[in-house]
Protein backbone atom coordinates (compact mmCIF):
# COMPACT_ATOMS: atom_id res chain seq x y z
CA MET A 1 105.03 139.46 120.07
CA ARG A 2 104.00 135.93 119.19
CA LYS A 3 106.54 133.27 120.17
CA GLU A 4 107.80 131.10 117.32
CA SER A 5 106.80 127.44 117.45
CA PHE A 6 109.03 124.67 116.14
CA THR A 7 108.26 121.16 114.93
CA ILE A 8 110.52 118.15 114.43
CA ILE A 9 109.65 115.54 111.81
CA LEU A 10 110.91 111.99 111.45
CA PHE A 11 110.33 110.01 108.25
CA TYR A 12 111.71 107.25 106.06
CA LYS A 13 110.90 105.05 103.11
CA PHE A 14 112.45 101.99 101.55
CA THR A 15 112.18 102.66 97.82
CA PRO A 16 114.65 102.45 94.91
CA ILE A 17 116.65 105.66 94.46
CA LYS A 18 118.36 105.36 91.07
CA ASP A 19 120.56 108.44 91.40
CA PRO A 20 121.27 109.09 95.11
CA ASP A 21 123.66 111.98 94.43
CA GLY A 22 121.21 113.79 92.19
CA PHE A 23 118.40 113.10 94.67
CA ARG A 24 120.54 114.55 97.49
CA ILE A 25 121.18 117.80 95.60
CA LYS A 26 117.48 118.27 94.85
CA GLN A 27 116.37 117.51 98.43
CA ARG A 28 118.97 119.83 99.94
CA LYS A 29 117.68 122.75 97.87
CA ILE A 30 114.14 122.09 99.07
CA ALA A 31 115.19 121.85 102.74
CA GLU A 32 117.18 125.07 102.42
CA THR A 33 114.16 126.84 100.92
CA PHE A 34 112.26 126.22 104.14
CA ASN A 35 115.19 127.02 106.48
CA LEU A 36 115.34 123.51 107.93
CA LYS A 37 118.11 121.96 109.98
CA GLY A 38 118.68 118.26 110.52
CA ARG A 39 119.76 115.32 108.42
CA MET A 40 118.70 113.05 105.60
CA LEU A 41 120.49 109.84 104.67
CA ILE A 42 120.03 108.64 101.11
CA ALA A 43 120.92 105.27 99.61
CA LYS A 44 119.87 103.19 96.66
CA GLU A 45 117.51 101.40 99.08
CA GLY A 46 115.68 104.53 100.23
CA ILE A 47 115.64 107.61 102.46
CA ASN A 48 115.79 108.33 106.19
CA GLY A 49 115.33 111.88 107.48
CA THR A 50 114.69 114.05 110.50
CA PHE A 51 114.41 117.85 110.39
CA GLU A 52 113.46 120.75 112.60
CA GLY A 53 112.01 124.05 111.50
CA GLN A 54 109.41 126.63 112.38
CA THR A 55 106.04 124.90 112.38
CA LYS A 56 104.77 126.90 109.41
CA ASP A 57 107.90 125.99 107.43
CA ILE A 58 107.63 122.30 108.30
CA LYS A 59 104.02 122.25 107.09
CA ALA A 60 105.05 123.94 103.84
CA TYR A 61 107.99 121.55 103.44
CA ILE A 62 105.78 118.49 103.79
CA LYS A 63 103.32 119.96 101.28
CA GLU A 64 106.19 120.50 98.84
CA LEU A 65 107.53 116.95 99.30
CA ARG A 66 104.07 115.50 98.63
CA LYS A 67 104.40 116.78 95.06
CA GLN A 68 107.06 114.11 94.46
CA ALA A 69 105.84 110.56 93.88
CA VAL A 70 108.40 109.11 96.28
CA PHE A 71 106.92 111.07 99.22
CA LYS A 72 103.19 110.72 98.51
CA ASP A 73 102.67 107.88 101.00
CA VAL A 74 105.41 108.72 103.50
CA VAL A 75 104.31 109.00 107.15
CA PHE A 76 105.74 112.15 108.76
CA LYS A 77 105.95 111.71 112.53
CA GLU A 78 105.78 115.07 114.30
CA SER A 79 106.79 116.23 117.76
CA ALA A 80 107.44 119.58 119.42
CA GLY A 81 110.79 121.20 118.73
CA PHE A 82 112.61 124.03 120.50
CA GLY A 83 114.66 125.58 117.69
CA LYS A 84 118.00 124.01 118.58
CA ALA A 85 117.50 120.30 117.95
CA PHE A 86 120.11 120.49 115.17
CA THR A 87 122.91 122.95 114.49
CA LYS A 88 123.14 122.46 110.72
CA LEU A 89 121.66 120.84 107.63
CA GLN A 90 123.21 117.60 106.41
CA LEU A 91 122.19 115.38 103.50
CA LYS A 92 124.48 112.42 102.87
CA VAL A 93 124.64 109.46 100.51
CA ARG A 94 125.36 106.17 102.28
CA PRO A 95 125.48 102.47 101.28
CA GLU A 96 122.47 101.87 103.60
CA VAL A 97 119.98 104.28 105.18
CA VAL A 98 120.18 102.15 108.32
CA THR A 99 123.22 99.91 108.54
CA LEU A 100 122.67 96.19 109.13
CA GLY A 101 125.52 94.94 106.95
CA VAL A 102 124.03 91.67 105.69
CA GLY A 103 123.82 92.49 102.00
CA GLU A 104 120.81 93.29 99.87
CA LEU A 105 117.38 92.43 101.29
CA ASN A 106 113.97 92.42 99.62
CA ILE A 107 112.32 94.53 102.29
CA LYS A 108 109.07 95.18 100.44
CA LYS A 109 108.49 91.45 99.84
CA ASP A 110 109.97 89.87 102.97
CA THR A 111 109.44 92.27 105.89
CA ALA A 112 107.18 91.06 108.73
CA PRO A 113 103.47 91.90 108.83
CA VAL A 114 102.58 95.04 110.78
CA ILE A 115 100.63 95.53 113.98
CA THR A 116 99.13 98.99 114.53
CA ALA A 117 99.47 100.91 117.77
CA GLN A 118 95.78 100.24 118.42
CA LYS A 119 96.25 96.50 117.89
CA LEU A 120 99.25 96.38 120.21
CA GLU A 121 97.35 98.24 122.91
CA LYS A 122 94.50 95.74 122.56
CA MET A 123 96.98 92.86 122.93
CA TYR A 124 98.08 94.35 126.24
CA GLU A 125 94.50 94.87 127.37
CA ASN A 126 93.71 91.23 126.58
CA ASP A 127 96.90 90.04 128.30
CA GLU A 128 97.92 88.08 125.21
CA ASP A 129 100.96 85.84 125.23
CA PHE A 130 103.64 87.78 123.33
CA VAL A 131 106.94 89.59 123.80
CA VAL A 132 108.26 92.88 122.46
CA LEU A 133 111.69 92.69 120.82
CA ASP A 134 113.32 96.12 121.07
CA LEU A 135 115.71 96.62 118.16
CA ARG A 136 117.13 99.93 119.33
CA ASN A 137 120.56 100.38 120.85
CA ASP A 138 120.84 99.44 124.51
CA PHE A 139 121.42 103.05 125.64
CA GLU A 140 118.14 104.04 123.94
CA VAL A 141 116.19 101.35 125.76
CA GLN A 142 117.47 102.58 129.13
CA ALA A 143 115.28 105.71 128.95
CA GLY A 144 112.04 103.95 128.02
CA TYR A 145 110.62 100.60 127.00
CA PHE A 146 107.45 98.57 126.58
CA GLU A 147 106.04 96.14 129.09
CA LYS A 148 107.10 92.58 128.10
CA THR A 149 110.28 93.86 126.43
CA ILE A 150 113.20 91.65 125.43
CA ASN A 151 116.31 93.81 125.09
CA PRO A 152 119.12 92.13 123.09
CA LYS A 153 121.47 94.91 124.28
CA LEU A 154 122.67 96.03 120.89
CA GLN A 155 125.56 98.48 120.91
CA LYS A 156 124.79 99.22 117.26
CA PHE A 157 122.02 98.03 114.95
CA LYS A 158 124.54 96.07 112.88
CA ASP A 159 125.22 93.89 115.96
CA LEU A 160 121.87 92.14 115.44
CA PRO A 161 123.17 89.26 113.26
CA GLN A 162 125.56 88.26 116.06
CA LYS A 163 122.74 88.37 118.64
CA ILE A 164 120.34 86.04 116.84
CA ALA A 165 121.67 82.88 118.50
CA GLU A 166 120.85 84.43 121.91
CA LEU A 167 117.29 85.05 120.70
CA SER A 168 116.69 81.53 119.36
CA HIS A 169 114.26 80.74 122.20
CA LEU A 170 111.89 83.28 120.63
CA LYS A 171 111.74 81.68 117.17
CA HIS A 172 108.27 80.22 117.69
CA LYS A 173 107.02 82.78 120.22
CA LYS A 174 104.71 85.61 119.17
CA VAL A 175 107.16 88.51 118.80
CA VAL A 176 106.43 92.17 118.06
CA ALA A 177 109.57 93.98 116.89
CA VAL A 178 109.77 97.68 117.79
CA CYS A 179 112.04 100.65 117.12
CA THR A 180 111.75 104.44 117.18
CA GLY A 181 109.98 105.14 113.89
CA GLY A 182 109.81 101.77 112.14
CA ILE A 183 112.84 101.79 109.83
CA ARG A 184 115.01 99.36 111.77
CA CYS A 185 112.13 96.91 112.17
CA GLU A 186 111.37 96.80 108.45
CA LYS A 187 114.91 95.68 107.70
CA ALA A 188 115.60 93.55 110.79
CA THR A 189 112.46 91.43 110.49
CA VAL A 190 113.55 90.31 107.01
CA LEU A 191 116.70 88.90 108.58
CA LEU A 192 114.86 87.40 111.55
CA LYS A 193 112.38 85.64 109.27
CA LYS A 194 115.29 84.17 107.29
CA GLU A 195 116.71 82.90 110.58
CA GLY A 196 113.54 80.97 111.39
CA PHE A 197 111.32 83.33 113.41
CA THR A 198 107.85 82.03 112.55
CA ASN A 199 105.44 84.26 114.51
CA LEU A 200 106.98 87.66 113.94
CA TYR A 201 105.33 91.08 113.59
CA GLN A 202 106.46 94.71 113.65
CA LEU A 203 104.91 97.82 115.20
CA LYS A 204 103.64 100.01 112.37
CA ASP A 205 105.30 103.45 112.34
CA GLY A 206 107.26 102.68 115.48
CA ILE A 207 107.28 103.56 119.16
CA HIS A 208 106.80 107.26 118.37
CA THR A 209 103.35 106.60 116.90
CA TYR A 210 102.29 104.36 119.81
CA MET A 211 103.34 107.00 122.36
CA LYS A 212 101.40 109.69 120.52
CA LYS A 213 98.22 107.59 120.51
CA PHE A 214 98.60 106.04 123.98
CA PRO A 215 100.68 108.34 126.21
CA GLY A 216 101.41 106.97 129.66
CA LYS A 217 100.18 103.47 128.81
CA ASN A 218 102.32 100.38 128.16
CA PHE A 219 105.45 102.22 127.02
CA LYS A 220 107.18 103.34 130.20
CA GLY A 221 109.53 106.32 130.32
CA SER A 222 110.74 108.56 127.51
CA LEU A 223 111.73 108.03 123.91
CA PHE A 224 115.41 108.52 123.04
CA VAL A 225 115.86 110.60 119.89
CA PHE A 226 118.96 111.40 117.84
CA ASP A 227 118.85 115.17 118.19
CA ASN A 228 119.72 117.68 120.89
CA ARG A 229 116.60 116.91 122.91
CA MET A 230 118.01 113.40 123.54
CA ILE A 231 114.68 112.32 125.04
CA THR A 232 111.04 113.22 124.47
CA PRO A 233 107.75 112.11 126.02
CA VAL A 234 106.29 112.65 122.49
CA GLU A 235 103.02 113.64 124.16
CA ASP A 236 102.80 115.06 127.69
CA SER A 237 101.06 112.70 130.09
CA ASP A 238 100.35 112.85 133.82
CA GLY A 239 100.98 109.12 134.00
CA ARG A 240 104.45 109.16 132.45
CA GLU A 241 107.11 107.42 134.51
CA VAL A 242 110.83 108.12 134.60
CA VAL A 243 112.45 104.69 134.27
CA GLY A 244 116.03 105.65 133.42
CA LYS A 245 118.69 104.88 136.04
CA CYS A 246 122.01 106.57 136.73
CA ALA A 247 124.81 104.33 135.42
CA TYR A 248 126.82 104.94 138.61
CA CYS A 249 124.39 104.99 141.56
CA ASN A 250 121.11 103.68 140.09
CA THR A 251 119.17 106.81 141.01
CA THR A 252 116.11 107.39 138.84
CA CYS A 253 116.90 110.02 136.22
CA GLU A 254 117.04 110.41 132.43
CA GLU A 255 119.77 112.94 131.60
CA TYR A 256 122.20 111.66 128.96
CA TYR A 257 125.94 112.35 128.81
CA ASN A 258 128.77 111.25 126.57
CA ASP A 259 131.34 109.06 128.34
CA ASP A 260 134.72 109.86 126.77
CA LEU A 261 136.64 107.35 128.88
CA VAL A 262 135.90 104.73 126.23
CA ARG A 263 136.35 104.82 122.48
CA PRO A 264 134.14 105.19 120.65
CA SER A 265 132.45 107.44 123.19
CA ARG A 266 129.26 105.98 124.64
CA LYS A 267 126.07 107.57 125.92
CA VAL A 268 125.17 107.01 129.57
CA ILE A 269 122.48 108.26 131.92
CA CYS A 270 123.89 110.13 134.93
CA CYS A 271 122.31 111.93 137.89
CA ASP A 272 123.17 115.44 139.11
CA ASN A 273 125.22 114.14 142.04
CA CYS A 274 127.36 111.67 140.09
CA ILE A 275 128.15 114.12 137.30
CA LYS A 276 130.18 116.16 139.82
CA SER A 277 132.66 113.29 140.29
CA HIS A 278 132.80 112.08 136.68
CA LYS A 279 134.77 114.81 134.95
CA LYS A 280 135.06 112.90 131.67
CA LEU A 281 131.31 113.07 131.09
CA ARG A 282 129.98 115.87 128.91
CA PRO A 283 126.42 116.73 127.90
CA ALA A 284 125.24 114.57 125.02
CA VAL A 285 124.66 116.66 121.93
CA THR A 286 124.30 115.91 118.26
CA VAL A 287 124.68 117.88 115.02
């Protein structure tokens, strides 16, 4: 009997959604038709989704979405699933599809110019003078990061406005902003440009796309993802390093747990030995 294969897709788009509630109802029906699980956030500024389903259903779902004008040019980033990345289907209307909390931004007009994965790889090969600004949460960066990374240690994306003063030394440096799939960079670079960053770029389609094209190269470690996998190499590579460190003994590892000793609970990396003595840690899972 042939084993079922599963695929996870990640996608987003900043585009005006006039009726988010009506859009949510329509999109939920489509996702249900193809037996998908996962989540989609919908706001007047756009959409942000990630779903898992059987590979044949994911392909059919994407084909169905392409019939709608809003999805014709959306980039669907795919990686291998295992059938349990999500436990249910959720589609929610939110004020923002990714929360920065600085008011309305003209993302289409003011976002930073893009650099492709190929261009970034060439910049590394040529040893160009630049830095990578990682706009993910600090716990995400712990599992994997680019060479030349500056980590502002965000607890949440909406912390960025308060971190800009600490990044002021980069205002005239060549900076490439990165995040998982691109959505945080599109919004954040608008703010950074307003704050005086003059040589700012963003990685087109995010870290996920770079890792797929250049596995084992200048991104070290694994990619943190917001589903029950927690981490993924995106593409298997003999050269992949494990760069995560146990929060308690600094042993190299990359297993995530939820630390319930603090509120809100935080995600930490913990090794097999330390987990035995930290009873308040529980395996990190999502919806």
